[in-house]
Amino acid sequence: MLEQLEKIAEILAASPSTVALTGAGISVDSGIPAFRGSQGLWGKYDPMEYASIDAFQRDPVRVWAMLNELDELVLTARPNRAHRALTQLEALGALDIVVTQNIDGLHQEAGSRAVVEFHGSSRRLVCLDCGQVLGRNEMSMDTLPPRCACGGLIKPDVVFFGEPIPQRALLAAMAAAQGCSAMLVVGTSAVVAPASHLPILAQSAGATVIEINLEPTPLTGRVADVSIRADGSEVLPVLVEMVGRLKGMAAANQGDLA
C-alpha cells in the first residue's frame, strides 16, 4: 500500500486542479452510519419507505420520526481525521473543491472552504409550498410533521429518492469534474446516480481518478487509475504528510533556480 500512497501523493502534489468526491464512508468514524452494508441505515429502514419523496408526502410523521433519529447522530457528530485531512490538502494547494454526497455539514465544520453539497444539507429545512429555507434550529420538532408559517409541509433540505439534484449543485459538480486534472474519490459506493457519473465525467475529460474505499466499487479497475482498499481516516493524514513533503521539495527546488 505504501507504494500506492506514494503514487497518489505524487499525483496530488503535481495536479493543478483537484476535486474530492466524498460519500457516507468518510463520516463513519464521526459516528454516522453508512447507508449501505451490513450495518448501514438502509438495513434498518427501507429507503423507498423512508427516503423517497412519495413516502414523505404520504406519511410525513413516520419519515420525520426516522429523520429525527438520524439527526441525533448527525447534529452531534464532529469532523474526523479524514475531513481534517482534506482541509489540510486544501491549505497545501493540493485540493480545490469538495463535492460531497453527505448531508452532515462536517466538511465545512472541519474548515473546507469550497464545498458542493450534492444532496443538500440536514442542517437546513425547506417548505414544500412556499420554498422558504430555514436553519434546522429555527423549527421546533415537538409536533410532527413541522409546518411552515404558510401552512406548508416542512422537509429537510436534502434530496430524497424521486427528487432531482438541485441545479446549482449539479452544475457546480459537473463543472468541477470536467475541469479537474485529478479526482480523489473517498468513501463512496459509487452506485447512486448521478453522483456516480462524476468520476466517469472526470476520466472522460482526461483526469486521473483515485479511489479510497474499504470495498471494491464499480469504479475499481475500470474508471479509477489507482484504487486503495482502506479507510480514509487512516490514509488521508498520511497523504497530507507525503504531499506536504513533495510540495516543500518543489518549493525548495524553485528557490535554488531563482
Protein backbone atom coordinates (compact mmCIF):
# COMPACT_ATOMS: atom_id res chain seq x y z
CA MET A 1 0.00 0.00 0.00
CA LEU A 2 2.90 2.37 0.68
CA GLU A 3 3.85 2.35 -2.99
CA GLN A 4 0.28 3.22 -3.95
CA LEU A 5 0.16 6.03 -1.40
CA GLU A 6 3.39 7.46 -2.76
CA LYS A 7 1.94 7.35 -6.26
CA ILE A 8 -1.22 9.13 -5.12
CA ALA A 9 0.81 11.76 -3.27
CA GLU A 10 2.82 12.46 -6.41
CA ILE A 11 -0.38 12.85 -8.43
CA LEU A 12 -1.91 15.23 -5.90
CA ALA A 13 1.25 17.29 -5.48
CA ALA A 14 1.59 17.76 -9.23
CA SER A 15 -2.09 18.23 -10.09
CA PRO A 16 -3.02 21.82 -10.98
CA SER A 17 -6.69 21.20 -10.19
CA THR A 18 -8.01 18.50 -7.84
CA VAL A 19 -11.55 17.66 -6.79
CA ALA A 20 -12.53 15.37 -3.91
CA LEU A 21 -15.77 13.40 -4.20
CA THR A 22 -16.85 12.05 -0.83
CA GLY A 23 -19.56 9.66 0.32
CA ALA A 24 -21.01 8.28 3.53
CA GLY A 25 -17.92 6.21 4.29
CA ILE A 26 -15.88 9.29 5.15
CA SER A 27 -18.22 10.15 8.05
CA VAL A 28 -18.45 6.69 9.63
CA ASP A 29 -15.60 7.50 12.03
CA SER A 30 -17.65 10.51 13.16
CA GLY A 31 -20.38 8.15 14.37
CA ILE A 32 -22.70 8.47 11.38
CA PRO A 33 -23.57 5.07 9.88
CA ALA A 34 -23.17 4.47 6.17
CA PHE A 35 -26.36 3.86 4.26
CA ARG A 36 -25.33 0.57 2.70
CA GLY A 37 -23.60 -2.53 4.05
CA SER A 38 -24.39 -4.87 6.93
CA GLN A 39 -24.53 -2.01 9.46
CA GLY A 40 -25.99 0.52 7.05
CA LEU A 41 -29.02 2.69 7.65
CA TRP A 42 -30.92 1.07 4.79
CA GLY A 43 -30.60 -2.28 6.55
CA LYS A 44 -32.87 -0.85 9.25
CA TYR A 45 -35.06 1.41 7.15
CA ASP A 46 -36.31 0.59 3.66
CA PRO A 47 -35.22 3.63 1.61
CA MET A 48 -38.35 3.51 -0.52
CA GLU A 49 -40.47 3.66 2.63
CA TYR A 50 -38.44 6.29 4.46
CA ALA A 51 -36.30 8.23 2.00
CA SER A 52 -38.44 8.79 -1.08
CA ILE A 53 -40.37 11.97 -1.70
CA ASP A 54 -43.52 9.89 -2.28
CA ALA A 55 -43.15 8.22 1.13
CA PHE A 56 -42.55 11.60 2.77
CA GLN A 57 -45.66 13.15 1.28
CA ARG A 58 -47.72 10.03 2.03
CA ASP A 59 -46.70 9.73 5.69
CA PRO A 60 -44.52 12.66 6.83
CA VAL A 61 -44.89 11.80 10.52
CA ARG A 62 -43.36 8.36 10.00
CA VAL A 63 -40.50 9.72 7.91
CA TRP A 64 -39.82 12.60 10.30
CA ALA A 65 -39.55 10.13 13.20
CA MET A 66 -36.74 8.38 11.33
CA LEU A 67 -35.14 11.69 10.37
CA ASN A 68 -35.09 12.86 13.98
CA GLU A 69 -33.30 9.66 14.97
CA LEU A 70 -30.70 10.28 12.27
CA ASP A 71 -30.44 13.94 13.26
CA GLU A 72 -29.40 12.94 16.77
CA LEU A 73 -26.32 11.35 15.22
CA VAL A 74 -25.66 13.99 12.56
CA LEU A 75 -26.09 17.09 14.72
CA THR A 76 -23.78 15.78 17.46
CA ALA A 77 -21.13 14.40 15.08
CA ARG A 78 -17.76 16.10 14.74
CA PRO A 79 -15.27 16.03 11.86
CA ASN A 80 -12.81 13.15 11.91
CA ARG A 81 -9.25 12.84 10.62
CA ALA A 82 -10.42 12.34 7.04
CA HIS A 83 -12.39 15.60 6.99
CA ARG A 84 -9.48 17.47 8.56
CA ALA A 85 -7.00 15.92 6.13
CA LEU A 86 -8.96 17.25 3.16
CA THR A 87 -8.87 20.70 4.76
CA GLN A 88 -5.10 20.35 5.10
CA LEU A 89 -4.76 19.30 1.46
CA GLU A 90 -6.68 22.44 0.53
CA ALA A 91 -4.28 24.53 2.63
CA LEU A 92 -1.34 22.90 0.82
CA GLY A 93 -2.81 23.89 -2.54
CA ALA A 94 -3.42 20.23 -3.40
CA LEU A 95 -7.23 20.33 -3.33
CA ASP A 96 -9.55 22.89 -4.90
CA ILE A 97 -13.07 21.75 -4.12
CA VAL A 98 -15.00 19.05 -2.26
CA VAL A 99 -18.14 17.61 -3.83
CA THR A 100 -19.90 15.65 -1.11
CA GLN A 101 -22.87 13.33 -1.23
CA ASN A 102 -23.16 13.70 2.55
CA ILE A 103 -25.73 15.90 4.25
CA ASP A 104 -23.91 16.27 7.58
CA GLY A 105 -22.00 19.54 7.05
CA LEU A 106 -18.81 18.06 8.50
CA HIS A 107 -16.55 19.23 5.67
CA GLN A 108 -17.45 22.85 6.37
CA GLU A 109 -17.11 22.31 10.11
CA ALA A 110 -13.62 20.90 9.52
CA GLY A 111 -12.69 24.07 7.64
CA SER A 112 -13.13 23.22 3.96
CA ARG A 113 -13.96 26.44 2.16
CA ALA A 114 -15.20 25.20 -1.21
CA VAL A 115 -17.88 22.54 -0.74
CA VAL A 116 -20.66 21.47 -3.09
CA GLU A 117 -23.42 19.72 -1.13
CA PHE A 118 -24.68 17.47 -3.92
CA HIS A 119 -27.55 16.00 -1.91
CA GLY A 120 -28.31 19.06 0.23
CA SER A 121 -27.90 19.54 3.97
CA SER A 122 -29.75 18.21 7.00
CA ARG A 123 -28.86 21.47 8.74
CA ARG A 124 -31.41 23.30 6.60
CA LEU A 125 -35.17 22.91 6.21
CA VAL A 126 -37.36 23.89 3.28
CA CYS A 127 -41.10 24.45 2.90
CA LEU A 128 -42.60 22.36 0.11
CA ASP A 129 -45.23 25.04 -0.56
CA CYS A 130 -43.57 28.47 -0.41
CA GLY A 131 -39.92 27.37 -0.71
CA GLN A 132 -38.73 29.22 2.40
CA VAL A 133 -35.41 27.88 3.70
CA LEU A 134 -34.81 27.76 7.46
CA GLY A 135 -32.00 26.66 9.72
CA ARG A 136 -32.59 23.32 11.44
CA ASN A 137 -32.60 25.03 14.85
CA GLU A 138 -35.25 27.55 13.76
CA MET A 139 -38.04 24.97 13.75
CA SER A 140 -39.47 23.05 16.69
CA MET A 141 -39.88 19.30 16.27
CA ASP A 142 -42.24 18.96 19.23
CA THR A 143 -45.16 18.46 16.85
CA LEU A 144 -44.75 16.31 13.75
CA PRO A 145 -44.80 16.99 10.92
CA PRO A 146 -43.40 20.52 11.24
CA ARG A 147 -45.31 23.17 9.32
CA CYS A 148 -44.24 26.47 7.81
CA ALA A 149 -45.93 29.74 8.76
CA CYS A 150 -47.72 29.46 5.42
CA GLY A 151 -49.10 26.06 6.45
CA GLY A 152 -46.89 24.11 4.07
CA LEU A 153 -45.14 20.87 4.94
CA ILE A 154 -41.52 21.27 6.07
CA LYS A 155 -38.87 18.78 4.95
CA PRO A 156 -35.09 18.66 5.35
CA ASP A 157 -33.30 20.47 2.54
CA VAL A 158 -31.93 17.15 1.29
CA VAL A 159 -32.53 15.19 -1.89
CA PHE A 160 -34.97 12.33 -1.37
CA PHE A 161 -35.26 9.46 -3.84
CA GLY A 162 -37.50 10.70 -6.63
CA GLU A 163 -36.28 14.30 -6.37
CA PRO A 164 -33.83 15.98 -8.77
CA ILE A 165 -30.41 17.19 -7.72
CA PRO A 166 -30.56 20.97 -7.15
CA GLN A 167 -29.46 22.60 -10.39
CA ARG A 168 -26.82 24.82 -8.80
CA ALA A 169 -25.14 21.85 -7.09
CA LEU A 170 -25.40 19.68 -10.21
CA LEU A 171 -23.86 22.30 -12.48
CA ALA A 172 -21.08 23.11 -9.99
CA ALA A 173 -20.21 19.44 -9.55
CA MET A 174 -20.20 18.76 -13.28
CA ALA A 175 -18.01 21.79 -13.95
CA ALA A 176 -15.58 20.67 -11.25
CA ALA A 177 -15.44 17.13 -12.66
CA GLN A 178 -14.90 18.32 -16.23
CA GLY A 179 -12.28 20.87 -15.24
CA CYS A 180 -10.10 18.92 -12.83
CA SER A 181 -6.84 17.13 -13.57
CA ALA A 182 -7.30 14.71 -10.64
CA MET A 183 -10.32 13.43 -8.75
CA LEU A 184 -9.95 11.90 -5.30
CA VAL A 185 -12.94 9.65 -4.55
CA VAL A 186 -13.29 8.77 -0.86
CA GLY A 187 -15.81 6.62 0.97
CA THR A 188 -18.47 6.18 -1.68
CA SER A 189 -20.04 3.03 -3.08
CA ALA A 190 -20.34 4.81 -6.44
CA VAL A 191 -23.73 3.27 -7.19
CA VAL A 192 -26.10 6.24 -6.76
CA ALA A 193 -26.59 8.30 -9.90
CA PRO A 194 -25.93 10.98 -10.88
CA ALA A 195 -23.08 11.36 -8.34
CA SER A 196 -21.65 8.04 -9.56
CA HIS A 197 -21.25 9.57 -13.01
CA LEU A 198 -18.91 12.34 -11.82
CA PRO A 199 -15.72 10.19 -11.78
CA ILE A 200 -16.61 8.94 -15.27
CA LEU A 201 -17.07 12.52 -16.40
CA ALA A 202 -13.68 13.44 -14.91
CA GLN A 203 -12.00 10.46 -16.56
CA SER A 204 -13.55 11.33 -19.92
CA ALA A 205 -12.11 14.84 -19.60
CA GLY A 206 -8.63 13.41 -19.03
CA ALA A 207 -8.40 13.49 -15.22
CA THR A 208 -6.63 10.90 -13.11
CA VAL A 209 -9.16 9.19 -10.83
CA ILE A 210 -8.03 7.99 -7.40
CA GLU A 211 -10.26 5.80 -5.26
CA ILE A 212 -10.00 5.24 -1.49
CA ASN A 213 -12.68 2.90 -0.17
CA LEU A 214 -12.91 -0.13 2.11
CA GLU A 215 -14.71 -2.22 -0.52
CA PRO A 216 -14.40 -2.51 -4.31
CA THR A 217 -16.87 -0.38 -6.27
CA PRO A 218 -17.93 -0.07 -9.91
CA LEU A 219 -15.03 2.39 -10.28
CA THR A 220 -12.42 -0.17 -9.24
CA GLY A 221 -10.33 -1.41 -12.15
CA ARG A 222 -12.50 0.41 -14.67
CA VAL A 223 -12.61 4.13 -14.00
CA ALA A 224 -10.11 4.55 -11.16
CA ASP A 225 -6.46 4.76 -12.18
CA VAL A 226 -5.39 3.99 -8.60
CA SER A 227 -7.53 2.18 -6.01
CA ILE A 228 -6.74 1.59 -2.35
CA ARG A 229 -8.83 -0.61 -0.08
CA ALA A 230 -8.55 1.46 3.08
CA ASP A 231 -10.33 3.77 5.48
CA GLY A 232 -9.99 7.41 4.50
CA SER A 233 -9.39 8.46 8.10
CA GLU A 234 -6.33 6.20 8.16
CA VAL A 235 -4.69 7.02 4.84
CA LEU A 236 -5.63 10.64 4.15
CA PRO A 237 -3.50 12.01 7.03
CA VAL A 238 -0.57 10.00 5.64
CA LEU A 239 -1.17 11.52 2.22
CA VAL A 240 -1.15 15.01 3.74
CA GLU A 241 2.34 14.39 5.13
CA MET A 242 3.58 12.98 1.82
CA VAL A 243 2.09 15.79 -0.26
CA GLY A 244 3.49 18.37 2.16
CA ARG A 245 6.99 16.96 1.75
CA LEU A 246 6.69 16.89 -2.04
CA LYS A 247 5.37 20.46 -2.14
CA GLY A 248 8.19 21.57 0.14
CA MET A 249 10.79 19.92 -2.06
CA ALA A 250 9.30 21.54 -5.17
CA ALA A 251 9.38 24.96 -3.50
CA ALA A 252 13.00 24.44 -2.44
CA ASN A 253 13.98 23.48 -5.96
CA GLN A 254 12.28 26.58 -7.33
CA GLY A 255 14.23 28.66 -4.83
CA ASP A 256 17.50 27.12 -5.98
CA LEU A 257 16.68 28.02 -9.57
CA ALA A 258 15.78 31.62 -8.73
